[in-house]
C-alpha cells in the first residue's frame, strides 16, 4: 500500500534538493547526517529541515541524526509519488 504524506507544495518543491544532496553524501561514504549539516549545505535552518522531514515521517534520532541511506530512499519514493 502506498503511504500518503501531508506536505505543502513548498516542501515537495524542496525534495529534489534534499535528494541530490543525500546522493552526494552517499557517494562520499557518509552514513549519518544532521539537520544542522543539511541546513548549512542547503542554505536553510536546521529547524526547517526537521519540519520538512517530519512531513514524511520523523525518522531521525536526537543526538545521532539521520541515516543518509534511509533519508535518500524515503525522499526518492516521495519524489516519485509526487510526479
PDB file of N, CA and C in Angstrom:
ATOM      1  N   UNK A   1       0.839  -1.183   0.000  1.00  0.00           N
ATOM      2  CA  UNK A   1       0.000   0.000   0.000  1.00  0.00           C
ATOM      3  C   UNK A   1       0.885   1.249   0.000  1.00  0.00           C
ATOM      4  N   UNK A   2       0.568   2.206  -0.815  1.00  0.00           N
ATOM      5  CA  UNK A   2       1.317   3.445  -0.906  1.00  0.00           C
ATOM      6  C   UNK A   2       0.911   4.363   0.230  1.00  0.00           C
ATOM      7  N   UNK A   3       1.903   4.903   0.931  1.00  0.00           N
ATOM      8  CA  UNK A   3       1.630   5.800   2.037  1.00  0.00           C
ATOM      9  C   UNK A   3       1.523   7.218   1.512  1.00  0.00           C
ATOM     10  N   UNK A   4       0.500   7.943   1.948  1.00  0.00           N
ATOM     11  CA  UNK A   4       0.304   9.335   1.551  1.00  0.00           C
ATOM     12  C   UNK A   4       0.844  10.230   2.660  1.00  0.00           C
ATOM     13  N   UNK A   5       1.459  11.336   2.281  1.00  0.00           N
ATOM     14  CA  UNK A   5       2.023  12.264   3.237  1.00  0.00           C
ATOM     15  C   UNK A   5       1.339  13.605   3.095  1.00  0.00           C
ATOM     16  N   UNK A   6       1.293  14.329   4.208  1.00  0.00           N
ATOM     17  CA  UNK A   6       0.684  15.650   4.226  1.00  0.00           C
ATOM     18  C   UNK A   6       1.798  16.692   4.171  1.00  0.00           C
ATOM     19  N   UNK A   7       2.144  17.105   2.965  1.00  0.00           N
ATOM     20  CA  UNK A   7       3.230  18.066   2.795  1.00  0.00           C
ATOM     21  C   UNK A   7       2.770  19.200   1.891  1.00  0.00           C
ATOM     22  N   UNK A   8       3.221  20.386   2.219  1.00  0.00           N
ATOM     23  CA  UNK A   8       2.870  21.545   1.398  1.00  0.00           C
ATOM     24  C   UNK A   8       3.623  21.480   0.074  1.00  0.00           C
ATOM     25  N   UNK A   9       3.167  22.257  -0.877  1.00  0.00           N
ATOM     26  CA  UNK A   9       3.833  22.288  -2.178  1.00  0.00           C
ATOM     27  C   UNK A   9       5.262  22.826  -2.043  1.00  0.00           C
ATOM     28  N   UNK A  10       5.497  23.708  -1.078  1.00  0.00           N
ATOM     29  CA  UNK A  10       6.852  24.224  -0.846  1.00  0.00           C
ATOM     30  C   UNK A  10       7.800  23.110  -0.421  1.00  0.00           C
ATOM     31  N   UNK A  11       7.325  22.253   0.464  1.00  0.00           N
ATOM     32  CA  UNK A  11       8.144  21.115   0.919  1.00  0.00           C
ATOM     33  C   UNK A  11       8.414  20.175  -0.254  1.00  0.00           C
ATOM     34  N   UNK A  12       7.396  19.893  -1.030  1.00  0.00           N
ATOM     35  CA  UNK A  12       7.556  18.989  -2.180  1.00  0.00           C
ATOM     36  C   UNK A  12       8.556  19.573  -3.174  1.00  0.00           C
ATOM     37  N   UNK A  13       8.537  20.887  -3.381  1.00  0.00           N
ATOM     38  CA  UNK A  13       9.492  21.519  -4.297  1.00  0.00           C
ATOM     39  C   UNK A  13      10.929  21.421  -3.794  1.00  0.00           C
ATOM     40  N   UNK A  14      11.116  21.326  -2.473  1.00  0.00           N
ATOM     41  CA  UNK A  14      12.471  21.218  -1.915  1.00  0.00           C
ATOM     42  C   UNK A  14      13.012  19.795  -1.964  1.00  0.00           C
ATOM     43  N   UNK A  15      12.154  18.817  -2.143  1.00  0.00           N
ATOM     44  CA  UNK A  15      12.598  17.420  -2.111  1.00  0.00           C
ATOM     45  C   UNK A  15      13.734  17.093  -3.083  1.00  0.00           C
ATOM     46  N   UNK A  16      13.694  17.554  -4.324  1.00  0.00           N
ATOM     47  CA  UNK A  16      14.817  17.232  -5.215  1.00  0.00           C
ATOM     48  C   UNK A  16      16.160  17.761  -4.701  1.00  0.00           C
ATOM     49  N   UNK A  17      16.142  18.892  -4.023  1.00  0.00           N
ATOM     50  CA  UNK A  17      17.388  19.414  -3.429  1.00  0.00           C
ATOM     51  C   UNK A  17      17.904  18.469  -2.351  1.00  0.00           C
ATOM     52  N   UNK A  18      16.994  18.000  -1.511  1.00  0.00           N
ATOM     53  CA  UNK A  18      17.374  17.025  -0.478  1.00  0.00           C
ATOM     54  C   UNK A  18      17.943  15.774  -1.145  1.00  0.00           C
ATOM     55  N   UNK A  19      17.242  15.306  -2.151  1.00  0.00           N
ATOM     56  CA  UNK A  19      17.638  14.061  -2.809  1.00  0.00           C
ATOM     57  C   UNK A  19      19.032  14.180  -3.438  1.00  0.00           C
ATOM     58  N   UNK A  20      19.307  15.279  -4.107  1.00  0.00           N
ATOM     59  CA  UNK A  20      20.635  15.468  -4.720  1.00  0.00           C
ATOM     60  C   UNK A  20      21.732  15.504  -3.656  1.00  0.00           C
ATOM     61  N   UNK A  21      21.484  16.233  -2.570  1.00  0.00           N
ATOM     62  CA  UNK A  21      22.483  16.324  -1.511  1.00  0.00           C
ATOM     63  C   UNK A  21      22.690  14.967  -0.846  1.00  0.00           C
ATOM     64  N   UNK A  22      21.626  14.253  -0.595  1.00  0.00           N
ATOM     65  CA  UNK A  22      21.752  12.936   0.031  1.00  0.00           C
ATOM     66  C   UNK A  22      22.519  11.972  -0.868  1.00  0.00           C
ATOM     67  N   UNK A  23      22.298  12.056  -2.171  1.00  0.00           N
ATOM     68  CA  UNK A  23      23.053  11.238  -3.111  1.00  0.00           C
ATOM     69  C   UNK A  23      24.539  11.557  -3.045  1.00  0.00           C
ATOM     70  N   UNK A  24      24.868  12.830  -2.947  1.00  0.00           N
ATOM     71  CA  UNK A  24      26.262  13.247  -2.824  1.00  0.00           C
ATOM     72  C   UNK A  24      26.877  12.700  -1.531  1.00  0.00           C
ATOM     73  N   UNK A  25      26.128  12.803  -0.433  1.00  0.00           N
ATOM     74  CA  UNK A  25      26.629  12.285   0.842  1.00  0.00           C
ATOM     75  C   UNK A  25      26.859  10.774   0.768  1.00  0.00           C
ATOM     76  N   UNK A  26      25.923  10.061   0.145  1.00  0.00           N
ATOM     77  CA  UNK A  26      26.076   8.610  -0.013  1.00  0.00           C
ATOM     78  C   UNK A  26      27.311   8.277  -0.844  1.00  0.00           C
ATOM     79  N   UNK A  27      27.494   8.969  -1.945  1.00  0.00           N
ATOM     80  CA  UNK A  27      28.662   8.711  -2.807  1.00  0.00           C
ATOM     81  C   UNK A  27      29.973   8.966  -2.072  1.00  0.00           C
ATOM     82  N   UNK A  28      29.948   9.899  -1.122  1.00  0.00           N
ATOM     83  CA  UNK A  28      31.137  10.211  -0.336  1.00  0.00           C
ATOM     84  C   UNK A  28      31.291   9.279   0.874  1.00  0.00           C
ATOM     85  N   UNK A  29      30.389   8.310   1.006  1.00  0.00           N
ATOM     86  CA  UNK A  29      30.501   7.320   2.075  1.00  0.00           C
ATOM     87  C   UNK A  29      29.986   7.768   3.428  1.00  0.00           C
ATOM     88  N   UNK A  30      29.237   8.864   3.465  1.00  0.00           N
ATOM     89  CA  UNK A  30      28.703   9.350   4.737  1.00  0.00           C
ATOM     90  C   UNK A  30      27.481   8.521   5.122  1.00  0.00           C
ATOM     91  N   UNK A  31      27.461   8.019   6.351  1.00  0.00           N
ATOM     92  CA  UNK A  31      26.392   7.134   6.814  1.00  0.00           C
ATOM     93  C   UNK A  31      25.277   7.905   7.514  1.00  0.00           C
ATOM     94  N   UNK A  32      25.636   8.920   8.308  1.00  0.00           N
ATOM     95  CA  UNK A  32      24.647   9.695   9.058  1.00  0.00           C
ATOM     96  C   UNK A  32      24.884  11.181   8.798  1.00  0.00           C
ATOM     97  N   UNK A  33      23.822  11.959   8.969  1.00  0.00           N
ATOM     98  CA  UNK A  33      23.933  13.412   8.842  1.00  0.00           C
ATOM     99  C   UNK A  33      22.981  14.050   9.842  1.00  0.00           C
ATOM    100  N   UNK A  34      23.120  15.332  10.018  1.00  0.00           N
ATOM    101  CA  UNK A  34      22.273  16.061  10.966  1.00  0.00           C
ATOM    102  C   UNK A  34      21.468  17.126  10.231  1.00  0.00           C
ATOM    103  N   UNK A  35      20.425  17.588  10.894  1.00  0.00           N
ATOM    104  CA  UNK A  35      19.640  18.676  10.313  1.00  0.00           C
ATOM    105  C   UNK A  35      20.496  19.933  10.215  1.00  0.00           C
ATOM    106  N   UNK A  36      21.422  20.103  11.127  1.00  0.00           N
ATOM    107  CA  UNK A  36      22.313  21.259  11.082  1.00  0.00           C
ATOM    108  C   UNK A  36      23.179  21.220   9.825  1.00  0.00           C
ATOM    109  N   UNK A  37      23.783  20.063   9.542  1.00  0.00           N
ATOM    110  CA  UNK A  37      24.621  19.947   8.354  1.00  0.00           C
ATOM    111  C   UNK A  37      23.808  20.126   7.076  1.00  0.00           C
ATOM    112  N   UNK A  38      22.642  19.486   7.010  1.00  0.00           N
ATOM    113  CA  UNK A  38      21.793  19.630   5.824  1.00  0.00           C
ATOM    114  C   UNK A  38      21.408  21.094   5.626  1.00  0.00           C
ATOM    115  N   UNK A  39      21.012  21.734   6.703  1.00  0.00           N
ATOM    116  CA  UNK A  39      20.622  23.136   6.623  1.00  0.00           C
ATOM    117  C   UNK A  39      21.754  24.029   6.153  1.00  0.00           C
ATOM    118  N   UNK A  40      22.940  23.793   6.686  1.00  0.00           N
ATOM    119  CA  UNK A  40      24.113  24.591   6.291  1.00  0.00           C
ATOM    120  C   UNK A  40      24.390  24.418   4.803  1.00  0.00           C
ATOM    121  N   UNK A  41      24.323  23.204   4.331  1.00  0.00           N
ATOM    122  CA  UNK A  41      24.656  22.930   2.932  1.00  0.00           C
ATOM    123  C   UNK A  41      23.562  23.374   1.964  1.00  0.00           C
ATOM    124  N   UNK A  42      22.322  23.456   2.458  1.00  0.00           N
ATOM    125  CA  UNK A  42      21.205  23.850   1.599  1.00  0.00           C
ATOM    126  C   UNK A  42      20.784  25.309   1.804  1.00  0.00           C
ATOM    127  N   UNK A  43      21.435  26.010   2.734  1.00  0.00           N
ATOM    128  CA  UNK A  43      21.082  27.405   2.991  1.00  0.00           C
ATOM    129  C   UNK A  43      19.746  27.547   3.691  1.00  0.00           C
ATOM    130  N   UNK A  44      19.461  26.608   4.585  1.00  0.00           N
ATOM    131  CA  UNK A  44      18.201  26.614   5.337  1.00  0.00           C
ATOM    132  C   UNK A  44      18.530  26.454   6.815  1.00  0.00           C
ATOM    133  N   UNK A  45      17.536  26.641   7.662  1.00  0.00           N
ATOM    134  CA  UNK A  45      17.763  26.421   9.085  1.00  0.00           C
ATOM    135  C   UNK A  45      17.571  24.940   9.413  1.00  0.00           C
ATOM    136  N   UNK A  46      18.222  24.504  10.484  1.00  0.00           N
ATOM    137  CA  UNK A  46      18.062  23.126  10.945  1.00  0.00           C
ATOM    138  C   UNK A  46      16.602  22.857  11.302  1.00  0.00           C
ATOM    139  N   UNK A  47      15.945  23.849  11.862  1.00  0.00           N
ATOM    140  CA  UNK A  47      14.540  23.711  12.225  1.00  0.00           C
ATOM    141  C   UNK A  47      13.670  23.456  10.989  1.00  0.00           C
ATOM    142  N   UNK A  48      13.929  24.179   9.905  1.00  0.00           N
ATOM    143  CA  UNK A  48      13.151  23.988   8.675  1.00  0.00           C
ATOM    144  C   UNK A  48      13.381  22.589   8.107  1.00  0.00           C
ATOM    145  N   UNK A  49      14.611  22.111   8.165  1.00  0.00           N
ATOM    146  CA  UNK A  49      14.915  20.759   7.699  1.00  0.00           C
ATOM    147  C   UNK A  49      14.094  19.745   8.489  1.00  0.00           C
ATOM    148  N   UNK A  50      14.115  19.866   9.812  1.00  0.00           N
ATOM    149  CA  UNK A  50      13.368  18.922  10.662  1.00  0.00           C
ATOM    150  C   UNK A  50      11.873  18.980  10.368  1.00  0.00           C
ATOM    151  N   UNK A  51      11.333  20.178  10.191  1.00  0.00           N
ATOM    152  CA  UNK A  51       9.910  20.316   9.883  1.00  0.00           C
ATOM    153  C   UNK A  51       9.574  19.647   8.557  1.00  0.00           C
ATOM    154  N   UNK A  52      10.417  19.872   7.546  1.00  0.00           N
ATOM    155  CA  UNK A  52      10.185  19.249   6.239  1.00  0.00           C
ATOM    156  C   UNK A  52      10.206  17.734   6.356  1.00  0.00           C
ATOM    157  N   UNK A  53      11.219  17.205   7.029  1.00  0.00           N
ATOM    158  CA  UNK A  53      11.361  15.753   7.117  1.00  0.00           C
ATOM    159  C   UNK A  53      10.242  15.109   7.916  1.00  0.00           C
ATOM    160  N   UNK A  54       9.699  15.835   8.883  1.00  0.00           N
ATOM    161  CA  UNK A  54       8.583  15.295   9.666  1.00  0.00           C
ATOM    162  C   UNK A  54       7.320  15.126   8.820  1.00  0.00           C
ATOM    163  N   UNK A  55       7.237  15.831   7.719  1.00  0.00           N
ATOM    164  CA  UNK A  55       6.099  15.658   6.815  1.00  0.00           C
ATOM    165  C   UNK A  55       6.076  14.252   6.221  1.00  0.00           C
ATOM    166  N   UNK A  56       7.222  13.584   6.235  1.00  0.00           N
ATOM    167  CA  UNK A  56       7.345  12.256   5.632  1.00  0.00           C
ATOM    168  C   UNK A  56       7.640  11.188   6.668  1.00  0.00           C
ATOM    169  N   UNK A  57       7.356  11.495   7.922  1.00  0.00           N
ATOM    170  CA  UNK A  57       7.618  10.554   9.000  1.00  0.00           C
ATOM    171  C   UNK A  57       8.936  10.922   9.658  1.00  0.00           C
ATOM    172  N   UNK A  58       8.887  11.313  10.899  1.00  0.00           N
ATOM    173  CA  UNK A  58      10.104  11.719  11.606  1.00  0.00           C
ATOM    174  C   UNK A  58      10.955  10.477  11.833  1.00  0.00           C
ATOM    175  N   UNK A  59      12.061  10.384  11.123  1.00  0.00           N
ATOM    176  CA  UNK A  59      12.874   9.180  11.221  1.00  0.00           C
ATOM    177  C   UNK A  59      14.299   9.457  11.676  1.00  0.00           C
ATOM    178  N   UNK A  60      14.564  10.637  12.194  1.00  0.00           N
ATOM    179  CA  UNK A  60      15.877  10.937  12.763  1.00  0.00           C
ATOM    180  C   UNK A  60      15.882  10.597  14.237  1.00  0.00           C
ATOM    181  N   UNK A  61      17.064  10.566  14.808  1.00  0.00           N
ATOM    182  CA  UNK A  61      17.202  10.304  16.232  1.00  0.00           C
ATOM    183  C   UNK A  61      17.966  11.452  16.856  1.00  0.00           C
ATOM    184  N   UNK A  62      17.370  12.046  17.885  1.00  0.00           N
ATOM    185  CA  UNK A  62      18.007  13.175  18.537  1.00  0.00           C
ATOM    186  C   UNK A  62      19.382  12.754  19.044  1.00  0.00           C
ATOM    187  N   UNK A  63      20.364  13.553  18.720  1.00  0.00           N
ATOM    188  CA  UNK A  63      21.722  13.273  19.160  1.00  0.00           C
ATOM    189  C   UNK A  63      22.535  12.432  18.189  1.00  0.00           C
ATOM    190  N   UNK A  64      21.860  11.680  17.298  1.00  0.00           N
ATOM    191  CA  UNK A  64      22.628  10.875  16.336  1.00  0.00           C
ATOM    192  C   UNK A  64      22.232  11.162  14.896  1.00  0.00           C
ATOM    193  N   UNK A  65      21.265  12.018  14.684  1.00  0.00           N
ATOM    194  CA  UNK A  65      20.927  12.475  13.347  1.00  0.00           C
ATOM    195  C   UNK A  65      20.114  11.496  12.523  1.00  0.00           C
ATOM    196  N   UNK A  66      20.334  11.549  11.217  1.00  0.00           N
ATOM    197  CA  UNK A  66      19.543  10.799  10.248  1.00  0.00           C
ATOM    198  C   UNK A  66      20.432   9.831   9.483  1.00  0.00           C
ATOM    199  N   UNK A  67      19.890   8.685   9.173  1.00  0.00           N
ATOM    200  CA  UNK A  67      20.564   7.748   8.282  1.00  0.00           C
ATOM    201  C   UNK A  67      20.466   8.304   6.869  1.00  0.00           C
ATOM    202  N   UNK A  68      21.608   8.518   6.232  1.00  0.00           N
ATOM    203  CA  UNK A  68      21.636   9.078   4.873  1.00  0.00           C
ATOM    204  C   UNK A  68      20.902   8.141   3.913  1.00  0.00           C
ATOM    205  N   UNK A  69      21.169   6.835   4.004  1.00  0.00           N
ATOM    206  CA  UNK A  69      20.537   5.873   3.091  1.00  0.00           C
ATOM    207  C   UNK A  69      19.023   5.848   3.272  1.00  0.00           C
ATOM    208  N   UNK A  70      18.550   5.855   4.518  1.00  0.00           N
ATOM    209  CA  UNK A  70      17.104   5.830   4.781  1.00  0.00           C
ATOM    210  C   UNK A  70      16.441   7.102   4.270  1.00  0.00           C
ATOM    211  N   UNK A  71      17.081   8.242   4.506  1.00  0.00           N
ATOM    212  CA  UNK A  71      16.521   9.506   4.017  1.00  0.00           C
ATOM    213  C   UNK A  71      16.488   9.541   2.500  1.00  0.00           C
ATOM    214  N   UNK A  72      17.551   9.075   1.863  1.00  0.00           N
ATOM    215  CA  UNK A  72      17.605   9.074   0.400  1.00  0.00           C
ATOM    216  C   UNK A  72      16.502   8.195  -0.172  1.00  0.00           C
ATOM    217  N   UNK A  73      16.300   7.028   0.423  1.00  0.00           N
ATOM    218  CA  UNK A  73      15.252   6.120  -0.053  1.00  0.00           C
ATOM    219  C   UNK A  73      13.868   6.735   0.119  1.00  0.00           C
ATOM    220  N   UNK A  74      13.615   7.288   1.288  1.00  0.00           N
ATOM    221  CA  UNK A  74      12.303   7.889   1.553  1.00  0.00           C
ATOM    222  C   UNK A  74      12.084   9.107   0.654  1.00  0.00           C
ATOM    223  N   UNK A  75      13.114   9.907   0.449  1.00  0.00           N
ATOM    224  CA  UNK A  75      12.990  11.089  -0.413  1.00  0.00           C
ATOM    225  C   UNK A  75      12.741  10.683  -1.849  1.00  0.00           C
ATOM    226  N   UNK A  76      13.465   9.665  -2.321  1.00  0.00           N
ATOM    227  CA  UNK A  76      13.278   9.173  -3.691  1.00  0.00           C
ATOM    228  C   UNK A  76      11.853   8.685  -3.892  1.00  0.00           C
ATOM    229  N   UNK A  77      11.353   7.898  -2.966  1.00  0.00           N
ATOM    230  CA  UNK A  77       9.986   7.383  -3.049  1.00  0.00           C
ATOM    231  C   UNK A  77       8.981   8.518  -3.086  1.00  0.00           C
ATOM    232  N   UNK A  78       9.186   9.509  -2.254  1.00  0.00           N
ATOM    233  CA  UNK A  78       8.252  10.639  -2.170  1.00  0.00           C
ATOM    234  C   UNK A  78       8.304  11.482  -3.439  1.00  0.00           C
ATOM    235  N   UNK A  79       9.496  11.702  -3.993  1.00  0.00           N
ATOM    236  CA  UNK A  79       9.622  12.457  -5.235  1.00  0.00           C
ATOM    237  C   UNK A  79       8.895  11.724  -6.345  1.00  0.00           C
ATOM    238  N   UNK A  80       9.060  10.418  -6.429  1.00  0.00           N
ATOM    239  CA  UNK A  80       8.396   9.616  -7.455  1.00  0.00           C
ATOM    240  C   UNK A  80       6.871   9.705  -7.318  1.00  0.00           C
ATOM    241  N   UNK A  81       6.371   9.668  -6.084  1.00  0.00           N
ATOM    242  CA  UNK A  81       4.922   9.731  -5.851  1.00  0.00           C
ATOM    243  C   UNK A  81       4.365  11.096  -6.215  1.00  0.00           C
ATOM    244  N   UNK A  82       5.178  12.142  -6.128  1.00  0.00           N
ATOM    245  CA  UNK A  82       4.665  13.492  -6.381  1.00  0.00           C
ATOM    246  C   UNK A  82       4.630  13.827  -7.870  1.00  0.00           C
ATOM    247  N   UNK A  83       5.198  12.969  -8.716  1.00  0.00           N
ATOM    248  CA  UNK A  83       5.215  13.238 -10.159  1.00  0.00           C
ATOM    249  C   UNK A  83       3.918  12.862 -10.810  1.00  0.00           C
TER     250      UNK A  83
END
